[in-house]
């Protein structure tokens, strides 16, 4: 959900997205790239290559319409779980 949420805000190149994700949750690079691959395979985001002025081409990711729908569903599910947990711990 975090990656899709980031991608809903803008297109990221892979390194930048990996860095952004690590600001929130600590992951290693191989795990992060496995997440990216899974999201692409499911059609939630897509990747493309973009020229870089400072070196090799960059792999970029952007969310798809299916990904936006999935993100909305995940946010609804998260809110439901969060509400239930908050209710339980406030008893």
C-alpha atoms as a PDB file:
ATOM      1  CA  UNK A   1       0.000   0.000   0.000  1.00  0.00           C
ATOM      2  CA  UNK A   2       2.863   2.406   0.756  1.00  0.00           C
ATOM      3  CA  UNK A   3       4.423   2.085  -2.686  1.00  0.00           C
ATOM      4  CA  UNK A   4       1.077   2.585  -4.424  1.00  0.00           C
ATOM      5  CA  UNK A   5       0.388   5.582  -2.216  1.00  0.00           C
ATOM      6  CA  UNK A   6       3.725   7.157  -3.166  1.00  0.00           C
ATOM      7  CA  UNK A   7       3.090   6.426  -6.849  1.00  0.00           C
ATOM      8  CA  UNK A   8      -0.365   8.006  -6.643  1.00  0.00           C
ATOM      9  CA  UNK A   9       1.394  11.305  -5.905  1.00  0.00           C
ATOM     10  CA  UNK A  10       3.967  11.253  -8.720  1.00  0.00           C
ATOM     11  CA  UNK A  11       6.132   9.109 -10.972  1.00  0.00           C
ATOM     12  CA  UNK A  12       9.302   7.906  -9.264  1.00  0.00           C
ATOM     13  CA  UNK A  13      12.501   6.466 -10.611  1.00  0.00           C
ATOM     14  CA  UNK A  14      13.442   3.190  -8.903  1.00  0.00           C
ATOM     15  CA  UNK A  15      16.244   4.472  -6.679  1.00  0.00           C
ATOM     16  CA  UNK A  16      14.164   7.459  -5.548  1.00  0.00           C
ATOM     17  CA  UNK A  17      11.161   5.232  -4.740  1.00  0.00           C
ATOM     18  CA  UNK A  18      13.377   2.794  -2.841  1.00  0.00           C
ATOM     19  CA  UNK A  19      14.829   5.690  -0.822  1.00  0.00           C
ATOM     20  CA  UNK A  20      11.343   7.112  -0.100  1.00  0.00           C
ATOM     21  CA  UNK A  21      10.090   3.715   1.080  1.00  0.00           C
ATOM     22  CA  UNK A  22      13.084   3.351   3.398  1.00  0.00           C
ATOM     23  CA  UNK A  23      12.173   6.638   5.079  1.00  0.00           C
ATOM     24  CA  UNK A  24       9.041   4.894   6.352  1.00  0.00           C
ATOM     25  CA  UNK A  25      10.022   1.242   6.744  1.00  0.00           C
ATOM     26  CA  UNK A  26      13.475  -0.292   6.647  1.00  0.00           C
ATOM     27  CA  UNK A  27      13.860  -2.726   3.763  1.00  0.00           C
ATOM     28  CA  UNK A  28      16.779  -4.003   1.777  1.00  0.00           C
ATOM     29  CA  UNK A  29      17.088  -3.284  -1.914  1.00  0.00           C
ATOM     30  CA  UNK A  30      16.270  -6.822  -3.073  1.00  0.00           C
ATOM     31  CA  UNK A  31      13.015  -6.844  -1.089  1.00  0.00           C
ATOM     32  CA  UNK A  32      12.032  -3.450  -2.437  1.00  0.00           C
ATOM     33  CA  UNK A  33      12.676  -4.433  -6.039  1.00  0.00           C
ATOM     34  CA  UNK A  34      10.694  -7.665  -5.514  1.00  0.00           C
ATOM     35  CA  UNK A  35       7.768  -5.499  -4.356  1.00  0.00           C
ATOM     36  CA  UNK A  36       8.104  -3.313  -7.466  1.00  0.00           C
ATOM     37  CA  UNK A  37       8.123  -6.414  -9.692  1.00  0.00           C
ATOM     38  CA  UNK A  38       5.038  -7.853  -7.996  1.00  0.00           C
ATOM     39  CA  UNK A  39       3.134  -4.573  -8.433  1.00  0.00           C
ATOM     40  CA  UNK A  40       4.077  -4.464 -12.124  1.00  0.00           C
ATOM     41  CA  UNK A  41       3.126  -8.137 -12.616  1.00  0.00           C
ATOM     42  CA  UNK A  42      -0.297  -7.480 -11.074  1.00  0.00           C
ATOM     43  CA  UNK A  43      -0.817  -4.430 -13.283  1.00  0.00           C
ATOM     44  CA  UNK A  44      -0.926  -1.978 -10.366  1.00  0.00           C
ATOM     45  CA  UNK A  45       1.970   0.027 -11.755  1.00  0.00           C
ATOM     46  CA  UNK A  46       4.130   0.057 -14.828  1.00  0.00           C
ATOM     47  CA  UNK A  47       7.733   0.855 -15.475  1.00  0.00           C
ATOM     48  CA  UNK A  48       9.533   2.616 -18.270  1.00  0.00           C
ATOM     49  CA  UNK A  49      13.019   3.917 -18.900  1.00  0.00           C
ATOM     50  CA  UNK A  50      13.905   7.578 -18.912  1.00  0.00           C
ATOM     51  CA  UNK A  51      17.123   9.233 -19.979  1.00  0.00           C
ATOM     52  CA  UNK A  52      19.270  10.693 -17.249  1.00  0.00           C
ATOM     53  CA  UNK A  53      21.448  13.738 -17.736  1.00  0.00           C
ATOM     54  CA  UNK A  54      24.007  12.325 -15.321  1.00  0.00           C
ATOM     55  CA  UNK A  55      24.460   8.708 -16.401  1.00  0.00           C
ATOM     56  CA  UNK A  56      22.617   5.578 -17.503  1.00  0.00           C
ATOM     57  CA  UNK A  57      18.894   5.452 -18.212  1.00  0.00           C
ATOM     58  CA  UNK A  58      16.657   5.356 -15.155  1.00  0.00           C
ATOM     59  CA  UNK A  59      13.900   2.844 -14.559  1.00  0.00           C
ATOM     60  CA  UNK A  60      10.771   4.762 -13.560  1.00  0.00           C
ATOM     61  CA  UNK A  61       7.483   3.590 -12.069  1.00  0.00           C
ATOM     62  CA  UNK A  62       4.003   5.050 -12.343  1.00  0.00           C
ATOM     63  CA  UNK A  63       0.661   3.885 -10.990  1.00  0.00           C
ATOM     64  CA  UNK A  64      -2.019   2.544 -13.335  1.00  0.00           C
ATOM     65  CA  UNK A  65      -5.780   3.004 -13.096  1.00  0.00           C
ATOM     66  CA  UNK A  66      -5.998  -0.552 -11.713  1.00  0.00           C
ATOM     67  CA  UNK A  67      -3.379   0.438  -9.146  1.00  0.00           C
ATOM     68  CA  UNK A  68      -5.389   3.498  -8.118  1.00  0.00           C
ATOM     69  CA  UNK A  69      -8.451   1.298  -7.630  1.00  0.00           C
ATOM     70  CA  UNK A  70      -6.405  -1.203  -5.625  1.00  0.00           C
ATOM     71  CA  UNK A  71      -4.999   1.592  -3.460  1.00  0.00           C
ATOM     72  CA  UNK A  72      -8.501   2.875  -2.731  1.00  0.00           C
ATOM     73  CA  UNK A  73      -9.606  -0.652  -1.724  1.00  0.00           C
ATOM     74  CA  UNK A  74      -6.536  -1.089   0.476  1.00  0.00           C
ATOM     75  CA  UNK A  75      -7.163   2.244   2.204  1.00  0.00           C
ATOM     76  CA  UNK A  76     -10.768   1.233   2.939  1.00  0.00           C
ATOM     77  CA  UNK A  77      -9.615  -2.133   4.325  1.00  0.00           C
ATOM     78  CA  UNK A  78      -6.885  -0.447   6.390  1.00  0.00           C
ATOM     79  CA  UNK A  79      -9.370   2.033   7.870  1.00  0.00           C
ATOM     80  CA  UNK A  80     -11.701  -0.819   8.815  1.00  0.00           C
ATOM     81  CA  UNK A  81      -8.894  -2.750  10.528  1.00  0.00           C
ATOM     82  CA  UNK A  82      -7.579   0.405  12.195  1.00  0.00           C
ATOM     83  CA  UNK A  83     -11.045   1.286  13.523  1.00  0.00           C
ATOM     84  CA  UNK A  84     -11.478  -2.223  14.951  1.00  0.00           C
ATOM     85  CA  UNK A  85      -8.061  -2.214  16.618  1.00  0.00           C
ATOM     86  CA  UNK A  86      -8.643   1.256  18.062  1.00  0.00           C
ATOM     87  CA  UNK A  87     -11.981   0.099  19.414  1.00  0.00           C
ATOM     88  CA  UNK A  88     -10.377  -2.932  21.054  1.00  0.00           C
ATOM     89  CA  UNK A  89      -7.529  -1.046  22.689  1.00  0.00           C
ATOM     90  CA  UNK A  90      -9.745   1.727  24.012  1.00  0.00           C
ATOM     91  CA  UNK A  91     -11.945  -0.680  25.975  1.00  0.00           C
END
